Amino acid sequence: RIWSIRRGEVEYGLRAIPAGAFVRI
């Protein structure tokens, strides 16, 4: 993690390696 913040039930954030992304359901 570089940065993350929780808004409601969702944690939004940025990670160090720009090689993908993900959403957790």
PDB file of all heavy atoms in Angstrom:
ATOM      1  N   ARG A   1       0.823  -1.196   0.000  1.00  0.00           N
ATOM      2  CA  ARG A   1       0.000   0.000   0.000  1.00  0.00           C
ATOM      3  C   ARG A   1       0.867   1.261   0.000  1.00  0.00           C
ATOM      4  O   ARG A   1       1.862   1.349   0.706  1.00  0.00           O
ATOM      5  CB  ARG A   1      -0.879   0.047   1.254  1.00  0.00           C
ATOM      6  CG  ARG A   1      -2.132  -0.798   1.225  1.00  0.00           C
ATOM      7  CD  ARG A   1      -2.817  -0.681   2.585  1.00  0.00           C
ATOM      8  NE  ARG A   1      -4.128  -1.299   2.625  1.00  0.00           N
ATOM      9  CZ  ARG A   1      -4.329  -2.589   2.883  1.00  0.00           C
ATOM     10  NH1 ARG A   1      -3.287  -3.372   3.108  1.00  0.00           N
ATOM     11  NH2 ARG A   1      -5.557  -3.076   2.918  1.00  0.00           N
ATOM     12  N   ILE A   2       0.461   2.226  -0.800  1.00  0.00           N
ATOM     13  CA  ILE A   2       1.025   3.574  -0.709  1.00  0.00           C
ATOM     14  C   ILE A   2       0.094   4.450   0.130  1.00  0.00           C
ATOM     15  O   ILE A   2       0.531   5.191   1.004  1.00  0.00           O
ATOM     16  CB  ILE A   2       1.194   4.195  -2.108  1.00  0.00           C
ATOM     17  CG1 ILE A   2       2.283   3.470  -2.884  1.00  0.00           C
ATOM     18  CG2 ILE A   2       1.523   5.681  -2.010  1.00  0.00           C
ATOM     19  CD1 ILE A   2       2.470   3.993  -4.276  1.00  0.00           C
ATOM     20  N   TRP A   3      -1.176   4.315  -0.150  1.00  0.00           N
ATOM     21  CA  TRP A   3      -2.163   5.154   0.529  1.00  0.00           C
ATOM     22  C   TRP A   3      -3.499   4.438   0.494  1.00  0.00           C
ATOM     23  O   TRP A   3      -3.833   3.761  -0.475  1.00  0.00           O
ATOM     24  CB  TRP A   3      -2.268   6.492  -0.197  1.00  0.00           C
ATOM     25  CG  TRP A   3      -3.465   7.318   0.192  1.00  0.00           C
ATOM     26  CD1 TRP A   3      -3.568   8.166   1.256  1.00  0.00           C
ATOM     27  CD2 TRP A   3      -4.729   7.359  -0.475  1.00  0.00           C
ATOM     28  NE1 TRP A   3      -4.822   8.729   1.291  1.00  0.00           N
ATOM     29  CE2 TRP A   3      -5.558   8.250   0.239  1.00  0.00           C
ATOM     30  CE3 TRP A   3      -5.245   6.720  -1.603  1.00  0.00           C
ATOM     31  CZ2 TRP A   3      -6.864   8.522  -0.133  1.00  0.00           C
ATOM     32  CZ3 TRP A   3      -6.552   6.989  -1.986  1.00  0.00           C
ATOM     33  CH2 TRP A   3      -7.338   7.885  -1.255  1.00  0.00           C
ATOM     34  N   SER A   4      -4.263   4.548   1.565  1.00  0.00           N
ATOM     35  CA  SER A   4      -5.614   3.997   1.575  1.00  0.00           C
ATOM     36  C   SER A   4      -6.472   4.777   2.543  1.00  0.00           C
ATOM     37  O   SER A   4      -5.969   5.377   3.507  1.00  0.00           O
ATOM     38  CB  SER A   4      -5.599   2.509   1.962  1.00  0.00           C
ATOM     39  OG  SER A   4      -5.295   2.343   3.336  1.00  0.00           O
ATOM     40  N   ILE A   5      -7.761   4.781   2.287  1.00  0.00           N
ATOM     41  CA  ILE A   5      -8.716   5.478   3.141  1.00  0.00           C
ATOM     42  C   ILE A   5     -10.047   4.753   3.049  1.00  0.00           C
ATOM     43  O   ILE A   5     -10.401   4.216   1.991  1.00  0.00           O
ATOM     44  CB  ILE A   5      -8.856   6.960   2.719  1.00  0.00           C
ATOM     45  CG1 ILE A   5      -9.691   7.729   3.740  1.00  0.00           C
ATOM     46  CG2 ILE A   5      -9.454   7.075   1.327  1.00  0.00           C
ATOM     47  CD1 ILE A   5      -9.658   9.231   3.517  1.00  0.00           C
ATOM     48  N   ARG A   6     -10.755   4.676   4.151  1.00  0.00           N
ATOM     49  CA  ARG A   6     -12.056   4.002   4.173  1.00  0.00           C
ATOM     50  C   ARG A   6     -13.170   5.040   4.147  1.00  0.00           C
ATOM     51  O   ARG A   6     -13.158   6.009   4.918  1.00  0.00           O
ATOM     52  CB  ARG A   6     -12.180   3.123   5.417  1.00  0.00           C
ATOM     53  CG  ARG A   6     -13.493   2.354   5.492  1.00  0.00           C
ATOM     54  CD  ARG A   6     -13.500   1.414   6.680  1.00  0.00           C
ATOM     55  NE  ARG A   6     -12.531   0.337   6.488  1.00  0.00           N
ATOM     56  CZ  ARG A   6     -12.783  -0.763   5.781  1.00  0.00           C
ATOM     57  NH1 ARG A   6     -13.957  -0.927   5.208  1.00  0.00           N
ATOM     58  NH2 ARG A   6     -11.866  -1.690   5.664  1.00  0.00           N
ATOM     59  N   ARG A   7     -14.103   4.816   3.258  1.00  0.00           N
ATOM     60  CA  ARG A   7     -15.293   5.642   3.162  1.00  0.00           C
ATOM     61  C   ARG A   7     -16.496   4.700   3.208  1.00  0.00           C
ATOM     62  O   ARG A   7     -16.731   3.943   2.257  1.00  0.00           O
ATOM     63  CB  ARG A   7     -15.308   6.460   1.873  1.00  0.00           C
ATOM     64  CG  ARG A   7     -14.320   7.607   1.878  1.00  0.00           C
ATOM     65  CD  ARG A   7     -14.730   8.671   2.897  1.00  0.00           C
ATOM     66  NE  ARG A   7     -13.793   9.801   2.947  1.00  0.00           N
ATOM     67  CZ  ARG A   7     -12.802   9.904   3.794  1.00  0.00           C
ATOM     68  NH1 ARG A   7     -12.590   8.924   4.678  1.00  0.00           N
ATOM     69  NH2 ARG A   7     -12.017  10.950   3.801  1.00  0.00           N
ATOM     70  N   GLY A   8     -17.219   4.733   4.312  1.00  0.00           N
ATOM     71  CA  GLY A   8     -18.299   3.787   4.492  1.00  0.00           C
ATOM     72  C   GLY A   8     -17.740   2.392   4.656  1.00  0.00           C
ATOM     73  O   GLY A   8     -16.852   2.151   5.473  1.00  0.00           O
ATOM     74  N   GLU A   9     -18.228   1.438   3.860  1.00  0.00           N
ATOM     75  CA  GLU A   9     -17.762   0.064   3.959  1.00  0.00           C
ATOM     76  C   GLU A   9     -16.662  -0.263   2.960  1.00  0.00           C
ATOM     77  O   GLU A   9     -16.206  -1.404   2.887  1.00  0.00           O
ATOM     78  CB  GLU A   9     -18.939  -0.893   3.742  1.00  0.00           C
ATOM     79  CG  GLU A   9     -19.593  -0.774   2.371  1.00  0.00           C
ATOM     80  CD  GLU A   9     -20.866  -1.585   2.260  1.00  0.00           C
ATOM     81  OE1 GLU A   9     -21.378  -2.028   3.301  1.00  0.00           O
ATOM     82  OE2 GLU A   9     -21.347  -1.765   1.126  1.00  0.00           O
ATOM     83  N   VAL A  10     -16.229   0.725   2.183  1.00  0.00           N
ATOM     84  CA  VAL A  10     -15.244   0.485   1.125  1.00  0.00           C
ATOM     85  C   VAL A  10     -13.915   1.143   1.473  1.00  0.00           C
ATOM     86  O   VAL A  10     -13.868   2.310   1.875  1.00  0.00           O
ATOM     87  CB  VAL A  10     -15.739   1.024  -0.233  1.00  0.00           C
ATOM     88  CG1 VAL A  10     -14.725   0.683  -1.327  1.00  0.00           C
ATOM     89  CG2 VAL A  10     -17.105   0.471  -0.577  1.00  0.00           C
ATOM     90  N   GLU A  11     -12.833   0.396   1.319  1.00  0.00           N
ATOM     91  CA  GLU A  11     -11.489   0.934   1.448  1.00  0.00           C
ATOM     92  C   GLU A  11     -10.950   1.237   0.053  1.00  0.00           C
ATOM     93  O   GLU A  11     -10.848   0.342  -0.794  1.00  0.00           O
ATOM     94  CB  GLU A  11     -10.563  -0.065   2.150  1.00  0.00           C
ATOM     95  CG  GLU A  11      -9.153   0.478   2.365  1.00  0.00           C
ATOM     96  CD  GLU A  11      -8.175  -0.575   2.861  1.00  0.00           C
ATOM     97  OE1 GLU A  11      -8.523  -1.776   2.828  1.00  0.00           O
ATOM     98  OE2 GLU A  11      -7.056  -0.194   3.252  1.00  0.00           O
ATOM     99  N   TYR A  12     -10.622   2.487  -0.200  1.00  0.00           N
ATOM    100  CA  TYR A  12     -10.061   2.919  -1.473  1.00  0.00           C
ATOM    101  C   TYR A  12      -8.566   3.137  -1.274  1.00  0.00           C
ATOM    102  O   TYR A  12      -8.137   3.578  -0.206  1.00  0.00           O
ATOM    103  CB  TYR A  12     -10.694   4.228  -1.944  1.00  0.00           C
ATOM    104  CG  TYR A  12     -12.193   4.184  -2.093  1.00  0.00           C
ATOM    105  CD1 TYR A  12     -13.021   4.491  -1.022  1.00  0.00           C
ATOM    106  CD2 TYR A  12     -12.776   3.835  -3.309  1.00  0.00           C
ATOM    107  CE1 TYR A  12     -14.401   4.457  -1.153  1.00  0.00           C
ATOM    108  CE2 TYR A  12     -14.153   3.795  -3.448  1.00  0.00           C
ATOM    109  CZ  TYR A  12     -14.962   4.106  -2.368  1.00  0.00           C
ATOM    110  OH  TYR A  12     -16.323   4.073  -2.499  1.00  0.00           O
ATOM    111  N   GLY A  13      -7.780   2.834  -2.303  1.00  0.00           N
ATOM    112  CA  GLY A  13      -6.357   3.034  -2.107  1.00  0.00           C
ATOM    113  C   GLY A  13      -5.517   2.894  -3.359  1.00  0.00           C
ATOM    114  O   GLY A  13      -6.019   2.601  -4.452  1.00  0.00           O
ATOM    115  N   LEU A  14      -4.238   3.111  -3.171  1.00  0.00           N
ATOM    116  CA  LEU A  14      -3.237   3.063  -4.230  1.00  0.00           C
ATOM    117  C   LEU A  14      -2.103   2.182  -3.761  1.00  0.00           C
ATOM    118  O   LEU A  14      -1.652   2.276  -2.614  1.00  0.00           O
ATOM    119  CB  LEU A  14      -2.725   4.477  -4.520  1.00  0.00           C
ATOM    120  CG  LEU A  14      -1.675   4.649  -5.611  1.00  0.00           C
ATOM    121  CD1 LEU A  14      -2.273   4.312  -6.971  1.00  0.00           C
ATOM    122  CD2 LEU A  14      -1.145   6.084  -5.611  1.00  0.00           C
ATOM    123  N   ARG A  15      -1.626   1.309  -4.647  1.00  0.00           N
ATOM    124  CA  ARG A  15      -0.504   0.426  -4.329  1.00  0.00           C
ATOM    125  C   ARG A  15       0.681   0.742  -5.228  1.00  0.00           C
ATOM    126  O   ARG A  15       0.547   1.437  -6.235  1.00  0.00           O
ATOM    127  CB  ARG A  15      -0.930  -1.032  -4.430  1.00  0.00           C
ATOM    128  CG  ARG A  15      -1.938  -1.399  -3.336  1.00  0.00           C
ATOM    129  CD  ARG A  15      -2.436  -2.832  -3.442  1.00  0.00           C
ATOM    130  NE  ARG A  15      -3.414  -3.110  -2.395  1.00  0.00           N
ATOM    131  CZ  ARG A  15      -3.123  -3.595  -1.195  1.00  0.00           C
ATOM    132  NH1 ARG A  15      -1.868  -3.886  -0.896  1.00  0.00           N
ATOM    133  NH2 ARG A  15      -4.062  -3.814  -0.303  1.00  0.00           N
ATOM    134  N   ALA A  16       1.833   0.212  -4.868  1.00  0.00           N
ATOM    135  CA  ALA A  16       3.102   0.697  -5.422  1.00  0.00           C
ATOM    136  C   ALA A  16       3.366   0.282  -6.861  1.00  0.00           C
ATOM    137  O   ALA A  16       4.013   1.013  -7.608  1.00  0.00           O
ATOM    138  CB  ALA A  16       4.259   0.223  -4.542  1.00  0.00           C
ATOM    139  N   ILE A  17       2.909  -0.891  -7.272  1.00  0.00           N
ATOM    140  CA  ILE A  17       3.279  -1.417  -8.600  1.00  0.00           C
ATOM    141  C   ILE A  17       2.120  -1.225  -9.566  1.00  0.00           C
ATOM    142  O   ILE A  17       1.053  -1.826  -9.399  1.00  0.00           O
ATOM    143  CB  ILE A  17       3.662  -2.905  -8.507  1.00  0.00           C
ATOM    144  CG1 ILE A  17       4.788  -3.085  -7.481  1.00  0.00           C
ATOM    145  CG2 ILE A  17       4.086  -3.434  -9.873  1.00  0.00           C
ATOM    146  CD1 ILE A  17       5.142  -4.533  -7.209  1.00  0.00           C
ATOM    147  N   PRO A  18       2.298  -0.405 -10.600  1.00  0.00           N
ATOM    148  CA  PRO A  18       1.202  -0.123 -11.541  1.00  0.00           C
ATOM    149  C   PRO A  18       1.023  -1.252 -12.557  1.00  0.00           C
ATOM    150  O   PRO A  18       1.148  -1.059 -13.763  1.00  0.00           O
ATOM    151  CB  PRO A  18       1.652   1.173 -12.207  1.00  0.00           C
ATOM    152  CG  PRO A  18       3.143   1.102 -12.180  1.00  0.00           C
ATOM    153  CD  PRO A  18       3.507   0.389 -10.899  1.00  0.00           C
ATOM    154  N   ALA A  19       0.728  -2.450 -12.052  1.00  0.00           N
ATOM    155  CA  ALA A  19       0.618  -3.620 -12.934  1.00  0.00           C
ATOM    156  C   ALA A  19      -0.739  -4.290 -12.790  1.00  0.00           C
ATOM    157  O   ALA A  19      -0.896  -5.453 -13.136  1.00  0.00           O
ATOM    158  CB  ALA A  19       1.725  -4.616 -12.614  1.00  0.00           C
ATOM    159  N   GLY A  20      -1.733  -3.580 -12.316  1.00  0.00           N
ATOM    160  CA  GLY A  20      -3.052  -4.173 -12.167  1.00  0.00           C
ATOM    161  C   GLY A  20      -3.889  -3.375 -11.191  1.00  0.00           C
ATOM    162  O   GLY A  20      -3.511  -2.276 -10.769  1.00  0.00           O
ATOM    163  N   ALA A  21      -5.016  -3.923 -10.821  1.00  0.00           N
ATOM    164  CA  ALA A  21      -5.922  -3.306  -9.856  1.00  0.00           C
ATOM    165  C   ALA A  21      -6.882  -4.394  -9.413  1.00  0.00           C
ATOM    166  O   ALA A  21      -6.917  -5.485  -9.987  1.00  0.00           O
ATOM    167  CB  ALA A  21      -6.661  -2.128 -10.477  1.00  0.00           C
ATOM    168  N   PHE A  22      -7.672  -4.128  -8.375  1.00  0.00           N
ATOM    169  CA  PHE A  22      -8.643  -5.123  -7.958  1.00  0.00           C
ATOM    170  C   PHE A  22      -9.797  -4.489  -7.203  1.00  0.00           C
ATOM    171  O   PHE A  22      -9.660  -3.429  -6.582  1.00  0.00           O
ATOM    172  CB  PHE A  22      -7.993  -6.227  -7.110  1.00  0.00           C
ATOM    173  CG  PHE A  22      -7.417  -5.761  -5.806  1.00  0.00           C
ATOM    174  CD1 PHE A  22      -8.190  -5.723  -4.655  1.00  0.00           C
ATOM    175  CD2 PHE A  22      -6.084  -5.380  -5.726  1.00  0.00           C
ATOM    176  CE1 PHE A  22      -7.653  -5.299  -3.451  1.00  0.00           C
ATOM    177  CE2 PHE A  22      -5.528  -4.968  -4.523  1.00  0.00           C
ATOM    178  CZ  PHE A  22      -6.319  -4.919  -3.375  1.00  0.00           C
ATOM    179  N   VAL A  23     -10.947  -5.139  -7.310  1.00  0.00           N
ATOM    180  CA  VAL A  23     -12.148  -4.810  -6.554  1.00  0.00           C
ATOM    181  C   VAL A  23     -12.554  -6.065  -5.799  1.00  0.00           C
ATOM    182  O   VAL A  23     -12.590  -7.154  -6.369  1.00  0.00           O
ATOM    183  CB  VAL A  23     -13.297  -4.372  -7.487  1.00  0.00           C
ATOM    184  CG1 VAL A  23     -14.607  -4.299  -6.735  1.00  0.00           C
ATOM    185  CG2 VAL A  23     -12.982  -3.031  -8.128  1.00  0.00           C
ATOM    186  N   ARG A  24     -12.835  -5.923  -4.505  1.00  0.00           N
ATOM    187  CA  ARG A  24     -13.235  -7.077  -3.703  1.00  0.00           C
ATOM    188  C   ARG A  24     -14.748  -7.057  -3.519  1.00  0.00           C
ATOM    189  O   ARG A  24     -15.312  -6.085  -3.021  1.00  0.00           O
ATOM    190  CB  ARG A  24     -12.539  -7.050  -2.342  1.00  0.00           C
ATOM    191  CG  ARG A  24     -11.036  -7.148  -2.431  1.00  0.00           C
ATOM    192  CD  ARG A  24     -10.405  -7.211  -1.061  1.00  0.00           C
ATOM    193  NE  ARG A  24     -10.697  -8.487  -0.398  1.00  0.00           N
ATOM    194  CZ  ARG A  24     -10.229  -8.814   0.801  1.00  0.00           C
ATOM    195  NH1 ARG A  24      -9.466  -7.975   1.464  1.00  0.00           N
ATOM    196  NH2 ARG A  24     -10.528  -9.969   1.336  1.00  0.00           N
ATOM    197  N   ILE A  25     -15.389  -8.137  -3.916  1.00  0.00           N
ATOM    198  CA  ILE A  25     -16.832  -8.310  -3.773  1.00  0.00           C
ATOM    199  C   ILE A  25     -17.056  -9.547  -2.907  1.00  0.00           C
ATOM    200  O   ILE A  25     -16.463 -10.601  -3.163  1.00  0.00           O
ATOM    201  CB  ILE A  25     -17.511  -8.500  -5.153  1.00  0.00           C
ATOM    202  CG1 ILE A  25     -17.164  -7.333  -6.082  1.00  0.00           C
ATOM    203  CG2 ILE A  25     -19.025  -8.630  -4.992  1.00  0.00           C
ATOM    204  CD1 ILE A  25     -17.626  -7.529  -7.510  1.00  0.00           C
TER     205      ILE A  25
END
